Amino acid sequence: MTPGASPADPVASAGIASPADVAAPPGSPPLVDGAYARRWAVAAAAAADERKGVDTMVIDVGDVLVVTDLFVITHGNNARQVRSITEGVEQMVKEAGGPSPLRIEGADDRQWVLIDYGPFVVHVFDAERRSLYQLERLWGDCKVLDWQTAADGAMPTAEAALDA
């Protein structure tokens, strides 16, 4: 077990170093174990779902894309909802111990907000842009993760996603 970790933390009890223990060269995205990236992507998806994101999904693109491992894709029905989802994702990833975004694009127009965390990228669309770009179709050969399945089989809240 990693020093200082609680026995209830499955990542720490498996002996996986925390992101703070992993060093990356200056100027490069942080090196993060896949378990942490998945945990944070699930937290982002749960946050989007709590803010009424529509058809939220997590796609594992790591085998075909070099720059990131996971895409979280969701959409809101209007610009206000897109902003709310974006803010909720940032807050929940931070509360989950995740990194700050490396960059955020599209926050001003709120048509397609891209939140780049390095090991995962969150795409928050408005309904029209999601229908137009169809990222889930573009990456249709990739595995879609069942982020909604908690250990007890219930759909997690954002707080429960932190324990997933």
C-alpha atoms as a PDB file:
ATOM      1  CA  MET A   1       0.000   0.000   0.000  1.00  0.00           C
ATOM      2  CA  THR A   2       1.196   3.486  -0.806  1.00  0.00           C
ATOM      3  CA  PRO A   3       2.219   5.374   2.377  1.00  0.00           C
ATOM      4  CA  GLY A   4      -0.607   7.492   3.745  1.00  0.00           C
ATOM      5  CA  ALA A   5      -3.264   5.776   1.622  1.00  0.00           C
ATOM      6  CA  SER A   6      -6.465   4.554   3.156  1.00  0.00           C
ATOM      7  CA  PRO A   7      -7.263   0.837   2.828  1.00  0.00           C
ATOM      8  CA  ALA A   8     -10.537   1.819   1.115  1.00  0.00           C
ATOM      9  CA  ASP A   9      -8.608   3.367  -1.796  1.00  0.00           C
ATOM     10  CA  PRO A  10      -8.333   0.518  -4.367  1.00  0.00           C
ATOM     11  CA  VAL A  11      -5.766   2.372  -6.471  1.00  0.00           C
ATOM     12  CA  ALA A  12      -3.473   3.024  -3.521  1.00  0.00           C
ATOM     13  CA  SER A  13      -3.948  -0.427  -2.026  1.00  0.00           C
ATOM     14  CA  ALA A  14      -2.892  -1.933  -5.349  1.00  0.00           C
ATOM     15  CA  GLY A  15       0.466  -0.190  -4.924  1.00  0.00           C
ATOM     16  CA  ILE A  16      -0.063   2.293  -7.741  1.00  0.00           C
ATOM     17  CA  ALA A  17       1.877   5.501  -7.219  1.00  0.00           C
ATOM     18  CA  SER A  18      -0.160   8.645  -6.874  1.00  0.00           C
ATOM     19  CA  PRO A  19       0.112  11.167  -9.704  1.00  0.00           C
ATOM     20  CA  ALA A  20       2.153  13.418  -7.433  1.00  0.00           C
ATOM     21  CA  ASP A  21       4.773  10.651  -7.177  1.00  0.00           C
ATOM     22  CA  VAL A  22       5.182  10.410 -10.958  1.00  0.00           C
ATOM     23  CA  ALA A  23       7.532  12.929 -12.563  1.00  0.00           C
ATOM     24  CA  ALA A  24       7.306  14.176 -16.133  1.00  0.00           C
ATOM     25  CA  PRO A  25       9.876  16.192 -18.054  1.00  0.00           C
ATOM     26  CA  PRO A  26       9.351  19.962 -17.749  1.00  0.00           C
ATOM     27  CA  GLY A  27       6.855  21.307 -20.270  1.00  0.00           C
ATOM     28  CA  SER A  28       5.277  17.928 -20.972  1.00  0.00           C
ATOM     29  CA  PRO A  29       1.876  16.650 -19.836  1.00  0.00           C
ATOM     30  CA  PRO A  30       1.970  14.782 -16.525  1.00  0.00           C
ATOM     31  CA  LEU A  31       2.620  11.053 -16.629  1.00  0.00           C
ATOM     32  CA  VAL A  32      -0.396   9.414 -15.054  1.00  0.00           C
ATOM     33  CA  ASP A  33      -1.165   5.796 -14.396  1.00  0.00           C
ATOM     34  CA  GLY A  34      -4.125   4.549 -16.442  1.00  0.00           C
ATOM     35  CA  ALA A  35      -6.135   3.768 -13.299  1.00  0.00           C
ATOM     36  CA  TYR A  36      -6.018   7.418 -12.266  1.00  0.00           C
ATOM     37  CA  ALA A  37      -6.929   8.629 -15.756  1.00  0.00           C
ATOM     38  CA  ARG A  38      -9.926   6.281 -15.775  1.00  0.00           C
ATOM     39  CA  ARG A  39     -10.972   7.389 -12.286  1.00  0.00           C
ATOM     40  CA  TRP A  40     -10.857  11.048 -13.321  1.00  0.00           C
ATOM     41  CA  ALA A  41     -12.636  10.383 -16.639  1.00  0.00           C
ATOM     42  CA  VAL A  42     -15.396   8.549 -14.739  1.00  0.00           C
ATOM     43  CA  ALA A  43     -15.635  11.492 -12.325  1.00  0.00           C
ATOM     44  CA  ALA A  44     -15.902  13.855 -15.323  1.00  0.00           C
ATOM     45  CA  ALA A  45     -18.634  11.703 -16.888  1.00  0.00           C
ATOM     46  CA  ALA A  46     -20.558  11.515 -13.603  1.00  0.00           C
ATOM     47  CA  ALA A  47     -20.284  15.295 -13.179  1.00  0.00           C
ATOM     48  CA  ALA A  48     -21.607  15.831 -16.709  1.00  0.00           C
ATOM     49  CA  ASP A  49     -24.452  13.439 -16.013  1.00  0.00           C
ATOM     50  CA  GLU A  50     -25.353  15.252 -12.781  1.00  0.00           C
ATOM     51  CA  ARG A  51     -25.491  18.529 -14.731  1.00  0.00           C
ATOM     52  CA  LYS A  52     -27.942  16.875 -17.160  1.00  0.00           C
ATOM     53  CA  GLY A  53     -25.405  16.130 -19.889  1.00  0.00           C
ATOM     54  CA  VAL A  54     -27.040  14.076 -22.642  1.00  0.00           C
ATOM     55  CA  ASP A  55     -25.746  10.663 -23.792  1.00  0.00           C
ATOM     56  CA  THR A  56     -22.545  10.948 -21.782  1.00  0.00           C
ATOM     57  CA  MET A  57     -19.948   8.359 -22.763  1.00  0.00           C
ATOM     58  CA  VAL A  58     -16.306   7.476 -22.143  1.00  0.00           C
ATOM     59  CA  ILE A  59     -14.365   6.059 -25.085  1.00  0.00           C
ATOM     60  CA  ASP A  60     -10.968   4.361 -24.750  1.00  0.00           C
ATOM     61  CA  VAL A  61      -8.968   5.778 -27.687  1.00  0.00           C
ATOM     62  CA  GLY A  62      -5.551   4.890 -26.254  1.00  0.00           C
ATOM     63  CA  ASP A  63      -4.854   2.061 -28.724  1.00  0.00           C
ATOM     64  CA  VAL A  64      -5.384   4.259 -31.784  1.00  0.00           C
ATOM     65  CA  LEU A  65      -4.514   7.756 -30.603  1.00  0.00           C
ATOM     66  CA  VAL A  66      -1.113   8.730 -29.239  1.00  0.00           C
ATOM     67  CA  VAL A  67      -1.985  12.069 -27.613  1.00  0.00           C
ATOM     68  CA  THR A  68      -4.572  10.829 -25.080  1.00  0.00           C
ATOM     69  CA  ASP A  69      -6.144   7.652 -23.733  1.00  0.00           C
ATOM     70  CA  LEU A  70      -9.768   8.523 -23.082  1.00  0.00           C
ATOM     71  CA  PHE A  71     -12.469  10.765 -24.496  1.00  0.00           C
ATOM     72  CA  VAL A  72     -15.438  11.831 -22.397  1.00  0.00           C
ATOM     73  CA  ILE A  73     -18.210  13.002 -24.727  1.00  0.00           C
ATOM     74  CA  THR A  74     -21.464  14.665 -23.735  1.00  0.00           C
ATOM     75  CA  HIS A  75     -23.722  17.503 -24.803  1.00  0.00           C
ATOM     76  CA  GLY A  76     -26.023  20.100 -23.337  1.00  0.00           C
ATOM     77  CA  ASN A  77     -29.234  21.432 -24.796  1.00  0.00           C
ATOM     78  CA  ASN A  78     -28.190  25.095 -24.700  1.00  0.00           C
ATOM     79  CA  ALA A  79     -25.167  27.335 -24.060  1.00  0.00           C
ATOM     80  CA  ARG A  80     -25.989  27.761 -20.373  1.00  0.00           C
ATOM     81  CA  GLN A  81     -26.088  24.013 -19.856  1.00  0.00           C
ATOM     82  CA  VAL A  82     -22.815  23.549 -21.769  1.00  0.00           C
ATOM     83  CA  ARG A  83     -21.202  26.067 -19.405  1.00  0.00           C
ATOM     84  CA  SER A  84     -22.690  24.346 -16.357  1.00  0.00           C
ATOM     85  CA  ILE A  85     -21.450  20.930 -17.486  1.00  0.00           C
ATOM     86  CA  THR A  86     -17.985  22.336 -18.184  1.00  0.00           C
ATOM     87  CA  GLU A  87     -17.786  23.940 -14.731  1.00  0.00           C
ATOM     88  CA  GLY A  88     -19.050  20.756 -13.065  1.00  0.00           C
ATOM     89  CA  VAL A  89     -16.455  18.627 -14.837  1.00  0.00           C
ATOM     90  CA  GLU A  90     -13.603  20.916 -13.801  1.00  0.00           C
ATOM     91  CA  GLN A  91     -14.811  20.972 -10.198  1.00  0.00           C
ATOM     92  CA  MET A  92     -15.312  17.210  -9.905  1.00  0.00           C
ATOM     93  CA  VAL A  93     -11.980  16.290 -11.488  1.00  0.00           C
ATOM     94  CA  LYS A  94     -10.262  18.672  -9.078  1.00  0.00           C
ATOM     95  CA  GLU A  95     -12.155  17.166  -6.111  1.00  0.00           C
ATOM     96  CA  ALA A  96     -11.124  13.703  -7.325  1.00  0.00           C
ATOM     97  CA  GLY A  97      -7.482  14.746  -7.022  1.00  0.00           C
ATOM     98  CA  GLY A  98      -7.083  15.122 -10.763  1.00  0.00           C
ATOM     99  CA  PRO A  99      -4.880  17.567 -12.606  1.00  0.00           C
ATOM    100  CA  SER A 100      -5.828  21.029 -13.750  1.00  0.00           C
ATOM    101  CA  PRO A 101      -6.702  21.182 -17.441  1.00  0.00           C
ATOM    102  CA  LEU A 102      -3.722  21.713 -19.720  1.00  0.00           C
ATOM    103  CA  ARG A 103      -5.970  23.836 -21.932  1.00  0.00           C
ATOM    104  CA  ILE A 104      -9.621  24.644 -22.461  1.00  0.00           C
ATOM    105  CA  GLU A 105     -10.873  25.590 -25.910  1.00  0.00           C
ATOM    106  CA  GLY A 106     -14.284  26.846 -27.006  1.00  0.00           C
ATOM    107  CA  ALA A 107     -15.459  28.048 -23.588  1.00  0.00           C
ATOM    108  CA  ASP A 108     -16.449  31.451 -24.996  1.00  0.00           C
ATOM    109  CA  ASP A 109     -18.770  30.150 -27.767  1.00  0.00           C
ATOM    110  CA  ARG A 110     -20.056  27.170 -25.764  1.00  0.00           C
ATOM    111  CA  GLN A 111     -20.715  25.177 -28.926  1.00  0.00           C
ATOM    112  CA  TRP A 112     -17.885  22.654 -28.466  1.00  0.00           C
ATOM    113  CA  VAL A 113     -15.835  22.981 -25.303  1.00  0.00           C
ATOM    114  CA  LEU A 114     -12.721  20.827 -25.229  1.00  0.00           C
ATOM    115  CA  ILE A 115     -11.114  20.322 -21.817  1.00  0.00           C
ATOM    116  CA  ASP A 116      -7.681  18.721 -22.267  1.00  0.00           C
ATOM    117  CA  TYR A 117      -6.318  17.007 -19.174  1.00  0.00           C
ATOM    118  CA  GLY A 118      -3.563  15.141 -21.033  1.00  0.00           C
ATOM    119  CA  PRO A 119      -4.456  11.498 -20.317  1.00  0.00           C
ATOM    120  CA  PHE A 120      -8.107  12.216 -21.044  1.00  0.00           C
ATOM    121  CA  VAL A 121     -10.044  14.848 -22.972  1.00  0.00           C
ATOM    122  CA  VAL A 122     -13.583  15.992 -22.221  1.00  0.00           C
ATOM    123  CA  HIS A 123     -15.752  17.155 -25.139  1.00  0.00           C
ATOM    124  CA  VAL A 124     -18.863  19.132 -24.154  1.00  0.00           C
ATOM    125  CA  PHE A 125     -20.967  19.957 -27.207  1.00  0.00           C
ATOM    126  CA  ASP A 126     -24.193  21.730 -27.844  1.00  0.00           C
ATOM    127  CA  ALA A 127     -26.693  19.352 -29.484  1.00  0.00           C
ATOM    128  CA  GLU A 128     -26.176  20.752 -32.996  1.00  0.00           C
ATOM    129  CA  ARG A 129     -22.358  20.391 -32.958  1.00  0.00           C
ATOM    130  CA  ARG A 130     -22.489  16.907 -31.485  1.00  0.00           C
ATOM    131  CA  SER A 131     -24.811  15.809 -34.246  1.00  0.00           C
ATOM    132  CA  LEU A 132     -22.579  17.454 -36.851  1.00  0.00           C
ATOM    133  CA  TYR A 133     -19.196  16.071 -35.699  1.00  0.00           C
ATOM    134  CA  GLN A 134     -20.359  12.675 -34.383  1.00  0.00           C
ATOM    135  CA  LEU A 135     -17.153  11.887 -32.492  1.00  0.00           C
ATOM    136  CA  GLU A 136     -18.602   8.671 -31.126  1.00  0.00           C
ATOM    137  CA  ARG A 137     -19.124   7.497 -34.710  1.00  0.00           C
ATOM    138  CA  LEU A 138     -15.637   8.603 -35.737  1.00  0.00           C
ATOM    139  CA  TRP A 139     -14.139   6.567 -32.868  1.00  0.00           C
ATOM    140  CA  GLY A 140     -16.741   3.787 -33.232  1.00  0.00           C
ATOM    141  CA  ASP A 141     -14.116   1.031 -33.408  1.00  0.00           C
ATOM    142  CA  CYS A 142     -12.868   1.932 -29.916  1.00  0.00           C
ATOM    143  CA  LYS A 143     -14.108   0.416 -26.685  1.00  0.00           C
ATOM    144  CA  VAL A 144     -16.848   2.355 -24.876  1.00  0.00           C
ATOM    145  CA  LEU A 145     -16.384   2.151 -21.109  1.00  0.00           C
ATOM    146  CA  ASP A 146     -19.371   1.511 -18.872  1.00  0.00           C
ATOM    147  CA  TRP A 147     -18.697   4.433 -16.539  1.00  0.00           C
ATOM    148  CA  GLN A 148     -22.126   4.115 -14.915  1.00  0.00           C
ATOM    149  CA  THR A 149     -21.433   0.764 -13.321  1.00  0.00           C
ATOM    150  CA  ALA A 150     -20.418   1.147  -9.693  1.00  0.00           C
ATOM    151  CA  ALA A 151     -19.201  -1.713  -7.541  1.00  0.00           C
ATOM    152  CA  ASP A 152     -22.751  -2.329  -6.288  1.00  0.00           C
ATOM    153  CA  GLY A 153     -24.237  -2.083  -9.773  1.00  0.00           C
ATOM    154  CA  ALA A 154     -26.042   1.204  -9.129  1.00  0.00           C
ATOM    155  CA  MET A 155     -25.553   4.277 -11.245  1.00  0.00           C
ATOM    156  CA  PRO A 156     -22.986   6.387  -9.374  1.00  0.00           C
ATOM    157  CA  THR A 157     -23.334   9.974  -8.357  1.00  0.00           C
ATOM    158  CA  ALA A 158     -20.292  12.177  -8.864  1.00  0.00           C
ATOM    159  CA  GLU A 159     -19.278  11.489  -5.242  1.00  0.00           C
ATOM    160  CA  ALA A 160     -19.501   7.722  -5.754  1.00  0.00           C
ATOM    161  CA  ALA A 161     -17.444   8.035  -8.940  1.00  0.00           C
ATOM    162  CA  LEU A 162     -14.566   9.251  -6.803  1.00  0.00           C
ATOM    163  CA  ASP A 163     -14.578   5.859  -5.083  1.00  0.00           C
ATOM    164  CA  ALA A 164     -14.862   3.898  -8.351  1.00  0.00           C
END
